[in-house]
N, C-alpha and C. Protein backbone atom coordinates (compact mmCIF):
# COMPACT_ATOMS: atom_id res chain seq x y z
N MET A 1 73.21 109.11 152.73
CA MET A 1 72.67 109.54 152.13
C MET A 1 71.06 109.08 152.68
N ALA A 2 70.44 110.13 151.83
CA ALA A 2 68.89 109.73 152.27
C ALA A 2 68.30 109.27 151.30
N ILE A 3 67.11 108.55 150.51
CA ILE A 3 67.13 108.22 149.17
C ILE A 3 65.32 108.24 149.80
N ASP A 4 64.39 109.04 149.09
CA ASP A 4 62.83 109.01 149.06
C ASP A 4 63.22 108.75 147.70
N TYR A 5 61.64 107.48 147.51
CA TYR A 5 61.20 107.30 146.40
C TYR A 5 59.52 107.32 146.06
N GLN A 6 59.15 107.51 145.16
CA GLN A 6 57.89 107.72 144.79
C GLN A 6 56.95 107.15 143.80
N CYS A 7 56.62 106.86 143.83
CA CYS A 7 55.69 106.23 142.42
C CYS A 7 54.51 106.20 142.71
N LYS A 8 53.94 107.00 141.56
CA LYS A 8 52.74 106.71 141.15
C LYS A 8 52.16 106.10 140.06
N THR A 9 51.16 105.39 139.92
CA THR A 9 50.66 104.42 138.74
C THR A 9 49.77 105.39 137.94
N GLY A 10 49.34 104.92 136.87
CA GLY A 10 48.44 105.45 136.13
C GLY A 10 49.61 106.84 135.10
N ASN A 11 49.72 108.27 135.11
CA ASN A 11 50.51 108.67 134.41
C ASN A 11 51.77 108.25 135.03
N PHE A 12 51.97 107.07 134.68
CA PHE A 12 53.91 107.17 135.17
C PHE A 12 55.07 108.17 135.81
N HIS A 13 54.82 108.45 136.86
CA HIS A 13 55.50 109.30 137.97
C HIS A 13 56.40 108.55 138.58
N SER A 14 57.74 109.13 138.68
CA SER A 14 58.92 108.68 139.54
C SER A 14 59.46 109.96 140.12
N ILE A 15 59.69 110.47 142.18
CA ILE A 15 60.55 110.95 141.76
C ILE A 15 61.66 110.33 142.69
N TYR A 16 63.21 110.33 142.38
CA TYR A 16 63.64 109.72 143.45
C TYR A 16 64.57 111.37 144.23
N SER A 17 64.94 111.21 145.63
CA SER A 17 65.55 111.95 146.14
C SER A 17 67.19 111.75 146.64
N LEU A 18 67.88 112.31 146.08
CA LEU A 18 70.03 111.61 146.50
C LEU A 18 69.97 112.69 146.84
N ALA A 19 70.93 113.41 148.28
CA ALA A 19 71.12 114.25 149.01
C ALA A 19 70.46 115.74 148.54
N ASN A 20 69.27 116.11 148.55
CA ASN A 20 68.87 116.29 148.03
C ASN A 20 68.67 117.19 146.77
N GLU A 21 68.93 116.25 146.04
CA GLU A 21 68.54 116.69 144.44
C GLU A 21 67.68 115.79 144.23
N LYS A 22 66.66 116.80 143.77
CA LYS A 22 65.32 115.61 143.01
C LYS A 22 65.13 115.54 141.14
N ILE A 23 65.46 113.75 141.08
CA ILE A 23 65.43 113.54 140.02
C ILE A 23 64.14 112.99 139.51
N PHE A 24 63.35 113.78 138.66
CA PHE A 24 62.65 113.38 137.78
C PHE A 24 61.92 112.23 136.60
N LEU A 25 61.60 111.38 137.04
CA LEU A 25 61.59 110.51 135.65
C LEU A 25 60.06 109.74 135.14
N ASN A 26 60.26 110.26 133.67
CA ASN A 26 58.98 110.28 133.24
C ASN A 26 58.13 109.07 132.47
N SER A 27 59.41 108.06 132.35
CA SER A 27 58.87 106.72 131.29
C SER A 27 59.30 105.68 132.28
N GLU A 28 58.68 104.57 132.22
CA GLU A 28 59.31 102.98 132.76
C GLU A 28 60.23 103.17 132.44
N LYS A 29 60.65 102.87 131.43
CA LYS A 29 61.34 102.09 130.94
C LYS A 29 63.17 103.02 131.66
N THR A 30 63.07 104.48 131.98
CA THR A 30 64.31 105.35 132.19
C THR A 30 64.04 105.10 134.27
N VAL A 31 63.01 104.01 134.17
CA VAL A 31 62.99 104.32 136.04
C VAL A 31 62.90 103.10 136.44
N LYS A 32 63.09 101.99 134.82
CA LYS A 32 63.62 101.19 135.65
C LYS A 32 65.32 100.66 136.07
N THR A 33 65.52 101.36 133.96
CA THR A 33 67.38 101.61 134.33
C THR A 33 67.56 102.46 135.29
N PHE A 34 67.53 103.68 136.30
CA PHE A 34 67.72 104.07 137.54
C PHE A 34 67.41 103.59 138.57
N GLN A 35 66.46 102.37 138.53
CA GLN A 35 66.55 101.15 139.76
C GLN A 35 67.64 101.12 139.90
N ASN A 36 67.36 100.25 138.68
CA ASN A 36 69.19 99.36 138.19
C ASN A 36 70.27 99.70 139.41
N PHE A 37 70.16 100.83 138.64
CA PHE A 37 71.53 101.46 139.39
C PHE A 37 71.22 101.77 140.33
N LEU A 38 70.40 102.45 140.90
CA LEU A 38 70.62 102.08 142.51
C LEU A 38 70.57 101.12 143.33
N CYS A 39 70.38 99.72 142.55
CA CYS A 39 69.99 98.61 142.96
C CYS A 39 71.59 98.37 143.42
N TYR A 40 72.42 98.89 142.20
CA TYR A 40 74.13 98.50 142.27
C TYR A 40 74.81 98.89 142.76
N PHE A 41 74.40 100.29 143.22
CA PHE A 41 74.86 101.58 144.02
C PHE A 41 75.17 101.44 145.30
N PHE A 42 73.95 100.81 146.33
CA PHE A 42 74.05 100.37 147.32
C PHE A 42 74.67 98.87 147.09
N LEU A 43 74.16 97.79 146.24
CA LEU A 43 74.60 97.38 146.39
C LEU A 43 76.73 96.73 146.96
N PHE A 44 76.88 97.28 146.02
CA PHE A 44 78.78 97.51 145.63
C PHE A 44 78.77 98.64 146.49
N GLY A 45 78.22 99.02 147.11
CA GLY A 45 78.79 100.59 147.75
C GLY A 45 78.86 100.73 148.77
N PHE A 46 77.31 99.76 149.36
CA PHE A 46 77.35 100.22 150.57
C PHE A 46 77.51 98.48 151.30
N ILE A 47 77.02 96.91 150.77
CA ILE A 47 76.55 95.84 151.43
C ILE A 47 77.55 95.42 150.35
N PRO A 48 77.50 94.23 151.43
CA PRO A 48 78.42 93.34 150.73
C PRO A 48 77.91 91.96 150.07
N PHE A 49 76.31 92.04 150.87
CA PHE A 49 76.12 91.00 150.45
C PHE A 49 74.17 91.27 149.69
N GLY A 50 74.50 90.82 148.80
CA GLY A 50 73.00 91.72 148.48
C GLY A 50 72.02 90.90 147.48
N GLY A 51 70.56 92.06 146.77
CA GLY A 51 70.39 91.00 145.43
C GLY A 51 69.29 92.16 145.12
N CYS A 52 69.01 92.18 143.67
CA CYS A 52 67.91 92.93 143.37
C CYS A 52 66.56 92.13 142.31
N LEU A 53 66.24 93.05 141.79
CA LEU A 53 65.35 92.04 140.79
C LEU A 53 66.03 92.84 139.17
N ASP A 54 65.20 91.55 138.65
CA ASP A 54 66.07 91.49 136.96
C ASP A 54 64.81 91.98 136.33
N GLU A 55 65.04 91.81 134.87
CA GLU A 55 63.56 92.37 134.75
C GLU A 55 62.40 91.50 134.56
N SER A 56 62.98 91.05 135.08
CA SER A 56 61.42 89.47 134.93
C SER A 56 61.27 89.18 136.10
N ASN A 57 61.57 89.78 137.01
CA ASN A 57 60.81 90.99 138.51
C ASN A 57 61.36 88.94 139.15
N GLN A 58 62.20 88.26 138.56
CA GLN A 58 63.26 86.95 139.64
C GLN A 58 64.26 88.25 140.73
N LEU A 59 64.64 87.29 141.93
CA LEU A 59 65.58 87.80 142.36
C LEU A 59 67.27 87.80 142.18
N VAL A 60 67.75 88.38 141.94
CA VAL A 60 69.45 88.58 142.04
C VAL A 60 70.14 88.41 142.38
N THR A 61 70.39 87.21 143.03
CA THR A 61 71.77 87.00 144.72
C THR A 61 73.05 88.31 144.08
N LEU A 62 74.24 88.26 145.05
CA LEU A 62 75.18 89.48 144.14
C LEU A 62 75.48 88.88 145.69
N GLU A 63 76.92 88.63 145.32
CA GLU A 63 77.62 88.24 146.64
C GLU A 63 78.84 88.60 146.28
N THR A 64 80.08 89.65 146.94
CA THR A 64 80.81 89.95 146.62
C THR A 64 82.30 90.72 147.39
N ASP A 65 82.88 90.98 147.73
CA ASP A 65 83.41 91.37 147.71
C ASP A 65 84.51 92.50 146.83
N LYS A 66 84.25 92.55 146.20
CA LYS A 66 84.86 93.65 145.47
C LYS A 66 83.78 94.52 144.12
N ILE A 67 83.59 95.46 144.06
CA ILE A 67 84.05 96.02 142.90
C ILE A 67 83.35 95.66 141.93
N SER A 68 82.30 94.99 141.42
CA SER A 68 82.05 94.24 139.65
C SER A 68 80.82 95.17 139.42
N THR A 69 81.58 95.31 137.98
CA THR A 69 80.71 95.83 137.14
C THR A 69 80.30 94.72 136.25
N ASN A 70 79.97 93.57 136.09
CA ASN A 70 78.81 92.69 135.28
C ASN A 70 78.40 92.43 136.94
N ALA A 71 77.27 92.45 136.94
CA ALA A 71 76.16 92.31 137.59
C ALA A 71 76.06 90.78 138.15
N LEU A 72 76.34 90.01 137.47
CA LEU A 72 75.88 88.63 137.54
C LEU A 72 77.35 87.84 138.01
N ALA A 73 78.09 88.57 138.30
CA ALA A 73 79.11 88.09 139.07
C ALA A 73 79.12 87.79 140.24
N GLN A 74 79.75 86.60 141.27
CA GLN A 74 79.93 86.44 142.51
C GLN A 74 81.69 86.21 142.25
N PHE A 75 81.96 87.10 143.32
CA PHE A 75 83.08 87.29 143.69
C PHE A 75 82.88 87.20 145.13
N SER A 76 83.09 85.91 146.28
CA SER A 76 83.54 85.82 147.38
C SER A 76 84.94 85.54 147.64
N SER A 77 85.45 86.12 149.35
CA SER A 77 86.21 85.34 149.87
C SER A 77 86.31 84.41 151.01
N LEU A 78 87.19 84.36 151.16
CA LEU A 78 86.87 82.83 152.50
C LEU A 78 88.00 82.62 153.29
N LYS A 79 88.37 82.18 153.97
CA LYS A 79 89.81 81.78 154.41
C LYS A 79 89.71 79.66 154.02
N ALA A 80 90.96 78.98 154.21
CA ALA A 80 91.15 78.13 153.55
C ALA A 80 90.15 76.93 154.49
N GLU A 81 90.13 77.11 155.15
CA GLU A 81 89.29 76.13 157.02
C GLU A 81 88.03 76.25 156.45
N ALA A 82 87.70 76.81 155.69
CA ALA A 82 85.83 77.50 155.39
C ALA A 82 86.13 76.55 154.10
N ALA A 83 87.41 76.86 152.98
CA ALA A 83 87.10 76.41 151.79
C ALA A 83 87.81 74.63 151.73
N SER A 84 88.07 74.05 152.75
CA SER A 84 88.35 72.87 152.59
C SER A 84 86.57 71.76 153.43
N LYS A 85 86.10 72.86 153.92
CA LYS A 85 84.00 72.14 154.14
C LYS A 85 84.07 72.31 153.40
N LEU A 86 83.86 74.01 152.11
CA LEU A 86 82.71 73.82 150.69
C LEU A 86 83.51 72.57 149.59
N LEU A 87 84.77 72.67 149.92
CA LEU A 87 85.30 71.69 148.59
C LEU A 87 84.69 70.33 149.44
N ALA A 88 84.55 70.28 150.07
CA ALA A 88 84.24 68.42 150.67
C ALA A 88 82.42 68.08 150.21
N ARG A 89 81.63 69.65 150.20
CA ARG A 89 79.94 69.47 149.99
C ARG A 89 80.03 69.59 148.68
N ASP A 90 80.39 70.07 147.71
CA ASP A 90 80.55 70.79 146.46
C ASP A 90 81.91 70.13 145.38
N SER A 91 82.09 69.23 145.00
CA SER A 91 82.29 68.49 143.85
C SER A 91 82.76 69.86 143.21
N THR A 92 81.23 69.98 142.74
CA THR A 92 82.05 71.13 140.69
C THR A 92 82.49 71.86 141.02
N ILE A 93 83.14 72.52 142.37
CA ILE A 93 84.02 73.93 142.51
C ILE A 93 85.62 73.30 142.41
N LEU A 94 86.62 73.93 140.96
CA LEU A 94 87.89 73.74 140.85
C LEU A 94 88.46 74.55 141.22
N VAL A 95 89.56 73.60 142.07
CA VAL A 95 90.98 74.43 142.28
C VAL A 95 91.52 74.96 141.39
N LEU A 96 91.85 76.50 141.85
CA LEU A 96 92.70 77.46 141.07
C LEU A 96 94.19 77.27 141.45
N ASP A 97 95.27 77.24 141.31
CA ASP A 97 96.32 77.19 141.72
C ASP A 97 97.28 78.55 141.56
N ILE A 98 97.40 79.96 141.38
CA ILE A 98 98.11 80.68 140.70
C ILE A 98 99.79 80.29 140.80
N ARG A 99 100.25 79.92 142.30
CA ARG A 99 101.57 79.88 142.05
C ARG A 99 102.10 79.61 140.96
N THR A 100 103.97 79.54 141.17
CA THR A 100 104.87 78.87 140.30
C THR A 100 104.70 77.83 140.23
N PRO A 101 105.56 77.19 139.15
CA PRO A 101 104.97 75.49 139.06
C PRO A 101 105.64 74.94 140.22
N ASP A 102 107.08 75.61 140.14
CA ASP A 102 107.27 75.08 141.23
C ASP A 102 106.91 74.94 142.92
N GLU A 103 106.58 75.92 143.24
CA GLU A 103 105.43 76.21 144.35
C GLU A 103 104.05 75.30 144.17
N PHE A 104 103.73 75.40 143.65
CA PHE A 104 102.91 74.02 142.97
C PHE A 104 102.85 72.39 143.13
N ASN A 105 104.81 72.17 142.60
CA ASN A 105 104.85 71.05 142.99
C ASN A 105 105.20 70.75 144.26
N GLN A 106 105.65 72.03 144.90
CA GLN A 106 106.34 71.40 146.35
C GLN A 106 104.35 71.26 147.03
N GLY A 107 103.62 71.20 146.81
CA GLY A 107 102.50 70.70 147.37
C GLY A 107 101.28 71.54 146.54
N HIS A 108 100.36 70.99 146.57
CA HIS A 108 98.62 71.21 146.20
C HIS A 108 97.54 70.89 146.47
N ILE A 109 96.53 71.18 147.23
CA ILE A 109 95.37 70.28 146.81
C ILE A 109 94.71 69.82 145.62
N PRO A 110 94.42 68.47 146.49
CA PRO A 110 94.24 67.34 144.98
C PRO A 110 93.61 68.10 144.40
N GLY A 111 93.39 67.92 142.69
CA GLY A 111 93.15 67.77 141.81
C GLY A 111 93.01 69.31 140.87
N ALA A 112 93.78 70.18 141.30
CA ALA A 112 94.12 71.54 141.89
C ALA A 112 94.71 71.11 139.95
N LEU A 113 94.33 73.14 139.66
CA LEU A 113 94.49 73.14 138.18
C LEU A 113 95.63 73.80 138.56
N ASN A 114 97.02 74.31 137.76
CA ASN A 114 97.96 75.07 138.43
C ASN A 114 98.36 75.74 137.16
N VAL A 115 97.64 77.50 136.94
CA VAL A 115 98.40 78.60 136.25
C VAL A 115 99.17 79.56 136.81
N ASP A 116 100.38 79.87 136.35
CA ASP A 116 100.56 80.62 136.70
C ASP A 116 100.61 82.17 136.55
N TYR A 117 100.48 83.54 138.01
CA TYR A 117 99.75 84.69 138.20
C TYR A 117 101.56 85.25 136.99
N LYS A 118 102.67 84.99 137.91
CA LYS A 118 103.96 84.99 137.01
C LYS A 118 104.16 84.87 136.19
N ALA A 119 103.31 84.21 135.20
CA ALA A 119 103.70 83.91 133.61
C ALA A 119 103.61 84.99 132.96
N SER A 120 103.90 85.08 131.58
CA SER A 120 103.65 85.52 131.39
C SER A 120 102.46 85.69 129.67
N ASN A 121 102.02 84.02 129.86
CA ASN A 121 100.72 83.77 129.46
C ASN A 121 99.76 83.74 130.58
N PHE A 122 99.73 84.09 131.64
CA PHE A 122 98.48 83.87 132.37
C PHE A 122 97.63 84.23 132.22
N ILE A 123 97.04 85.46 131.54
CA ILE A 123 95.53 86.10 130.93
C ILE A 123 94.88 84.79 129.55
N SER A 124 96.45 84.27 129.01
CA SER A 124 95.86 83.20 127.62
C SER A 124 95.70 82.03 128.00
N GLU A 125 96.17 81.68 128.99
CA GLU A 125 95.91 80.81 129.83
C GLU A 125 94.42 80.24 131.02
N LEU A 126 93.89 81.67 131.31
CA LEU A 126 92.83 81.65 132.31
C LEU A 126 91.43 82.25 131.15
N GLU A 127 92.28 82.62 129.26
CA GLU A 127 90.95 82.77 128.81
C GLU A 127 90.24 81.10 128.03
N LYS A 128 91.29 79.81 128.42
CA LYS A 128 91.45 78.57 128.31
C LYS A 128 89.94 78.40 128.76
N LEU A 129 90.11 78.38 130.11
CA LEU A 129 89.47 78.44 131.18
C LEU A 129 87.48 78.86 131.10
N ASP A 130 87.17 77.70 131.31
CA ASP A 130 85.46 78.30 131.44
C ASP A 130 84.79 79.15 131.98
N ARG A 131 84.04 80.51 132.23
CA ARG A 131 83.72 81.72 132.89
C ARG A 131 82.50 81.40 133.38
N ASN A 132 82.16 80.23 133.81
CA ASN A 132 80.54 79.92 134.02
C ASN A 132 80.56 79.02 135.10
N SER A 133 82.20 78.06 135.45
CA SER A 133 82.22 77.81 136.17
C SER A 133 82.36 78.08 137.11
N THR A 134 82.52 77.51 138.68
CA THR A 134 83.03 78.22 140.03
C THR A 134 84.48 77.36 140.06
N TYR A 135 85.07 78.70 140.92
CA TYR A 135 86.56 77.70 140.86
C TYR A 135 86.57 78.73 142.50
N LEU A 136 87.44 77.97 143.22
CA LEU A 136 88.17 78.01 144.06
C LEU A 136 89.81 78.36 143.60
N MET A 137 90.19 79.99 144.14
CA MET A 137 91.14 79.94 143.29
C MET A 137 92.37 80.48 144.36
N HIS A 138 93.60 80.62 144.67
CA HIS A 138 94.34 80.86 145.42
C HIS A 138 96.06 81.02 145.26
N CYS A 139 96.64 81.74 145.88
CA CYS A 139 98.18 81.77 145.80
C CYS A 139 98.16 80.76 147.19
N ARG A 140 100.17 81.73 147.08
CA ARG A 140 100.46 81.01 147.96
C ARG A 140 99.92 81.34 150.14
N SER A 141 100.31 83.01 149.38
CA SER A 141 99.79 84.12 150.97
C SER A 141 98.44 84.81 151.07
N GLY A 142 97.72 85.04 149.55
CA GLY A 142 96.80 85.40 149.23
C GLY A 142 96.95 86.72 148.88
N ARG A 143 98.53 87.25 148.44
CA ARG A 143 98.47 88.56 148.00
C ARG A 143 97.96 88.51 146.46
N ARG A 144 98.97 87.47 145.66
CA ARG A 144 98.58 87.40 144.50
C ARG A 144 97.15 87.42 143.35
N SER A 145 96.48 86.24 144.17
CA SER A 145 95.54 86.13 143.74
C SER A 145 94.66 87.38 144.01
N THR A 146 94.30 87.72 145.47
CA THR A 146 93.65 89.24 145.82
C THR A 146 94.17 90.32 144.60
N ASN A 147 95.15 90.40 143.92
CA ASN A 147 95.99 91.31 143.16
C ASN A 147 95.26 90.48 141.83
N SER A 148 95.04 89.14 141.57
CA SER A 148 94.51 88.35 139.93
C SER A 148 93.04 88.65 140.14
N LEU A 149 92.85 89.16 141.04
CA LEU A 149 91.05 89.29 141.16
C LEU A 149 90.01 90.31 140.22
N ASP A 150 91.00 91.49 139.50
CA ASP A 150 90.40 92.38 138.64
C ASP A 150 91.17 91.36 137.37
N THR A 151 91.88 90.91 137.25
CA THR A 151 91.59 89.93 135.75
C THR A 151 90.67 88.93 135.39
N PHE A 152 89.99 87.95 136.71
CA PHE A 152 89.34 87.11 136.56
C PHE A 152 88.08 88.27 135.87
N GLN A 153 88.01 89.50 136.97
CA GLN A 153 86.05 90.52 136.84
C GLN A 153 86.76 90.33 134.76
N GLN A 154 87.82 91.06 134.93
CA GLN A 154 88.05 91.64 133.57
C GLN A 154 87.24 90.67 132.23
N LEU A 155 88.41 89.83 131.97
CA LEU A 155 87.93 87.87 131.53
C LEU A 155 86.42 87.89 131.53
N GLY A 156 85.87 88.18 132.58
CA GLY A 156 84.13 87.66 132.38
C GLY A 156 84.22 86.63 133.25
N PHE A 157 84.47 86.29 134.00
CA PHE A 157 84.79 84.70 135.11
C PHE A 157 83.20 85.28 136.04
N ARG A 158 82.19 84.51 136.63
CA ARG A 158 81.54 84.14 136.91
C ARG A 158 81.47 84.55 138.26
N HIS A 159 82.18 83.43 139.14
CA HIS A 159 82.03 82.22 139.90
C HIS A 159 83.56 82.67 140.56
N ILE A 160 84.05 82.97 141.85
CA ILE A 160 84.83 82.96 141.64
C ILE A 160 85.48 82.80 142.98
N ILE A 161 85.53 81.95 144.06
CA ILE A 161 86.02 82.23 145.62
C ILE A 161 87.31 82.14 145.11
N HIS A 162 88.11 83.27 146.30
CA HIS A 162 89.28 83.85 146.65
C HIS A 162 89.30 83.23 148.33
N MET A 163 90.16 82.11 148.27
CA MET A 163 90.98 81.83 149.55
C MET A 163 92.20 83.15 149.79
N ASP A 164 91.38 83.89 150.74
CA ASP A 164 92.47 84.59 151.12
C ASP A 164 92.76 84.53 151.95
N ASP A 165 93.91 83.52 152.39
CA ASP A 165 95.04 83.25 152.97
C ASP A 165 95.49 82.06 152.83
N GLY A 166 95.74 81.87 151.32
CA GLY A 166 96.42 81.14 150.46
C GLY A 166 96.42 79.87 151.01
N ILE A 167 97.54 78.99 149.75
CA ILE A 167 98.09 77.07 150.42
C ILE A 167 98.47 77.41 152.26
N LEU A 168 99.36 78.95 153.09
CA LEU A 168 99.53 79.17 154.28
C LEU A 168 98.26 78.54 155.06
N GLY A 169 97.14 79.34 155.16
CA GLY A 169 96.37 78.56 155.58
C GLY A 169 95.29 77.36 155.91
N TRP A 170 96.40 76.32 154.70
CA TRP A 170 95.92 75.23 154.14
C TRP A 170 95.96 73.73 155.84
N LYS A 171 94.88 73.44 156.50
CA LYS A 171 95.47 72.38 157.42
C LYS A 171 95.49 70.87 156.88
N GLU A 172 94.92 70.27 155.44
CA GLU A 172 94.62 69.68 154.91
C GLU A 172 95.88 69.05 154.26
N GLU A 173 95.64 67.45 154.30
CA GLU A 173 96.91 67.36 153.44
C GLU A 173 96.96 67.55 151.84
N LEU A 174 98.15 67.99 151.58
CA LEU A 174 98.47 68.32 149.80
C LEU A 174 99.17 67.13 149.02
N GLU A 175 98.78 67.44 148.02
CA GLU A 175 98.92 66.13 146.50
C GLU A 175 100.59 66.88 146.13
N ARG A 176 101.49 65.91 146.09
CA ARG A 176 102.75 66.41 145.15
C ARG A 176 102.84 65.82 143.41
């Protein structure tokens, strides 16, 4: 898809061309809105890691493996080995284990919080958590945690690191 962008200063005039369709924007606010749309479109449509400028022209970096309607959300995925190294470097990351209590009691990452994905109160338990904290979230193999990502997004969580190979990929010692 080709994109052409022209902006003439003074008598503010911008032209965007998307797939041979020209769009004329004649106000600065409309252009800014359209620029943000394009930024998010390309960010979520084609690039898993990228960024754009906010209203104060500060770079906003977004990391996501999923489409997100929340421009401030950071959803990323990594393997258990990398997650272990990340936890060793950053003690502010909270571990959220969404397996059943029986699975959790068989062994879990030290300090993990258990919120059962299969429980009827899963959403209400998530609602009690701080949405601005950074969570390393996992299940047994990655299936339930992958399915839960939309729920985290809808609830407004901002920083979710998904351990996509689950506890099965974890090689470190587990707490019982």
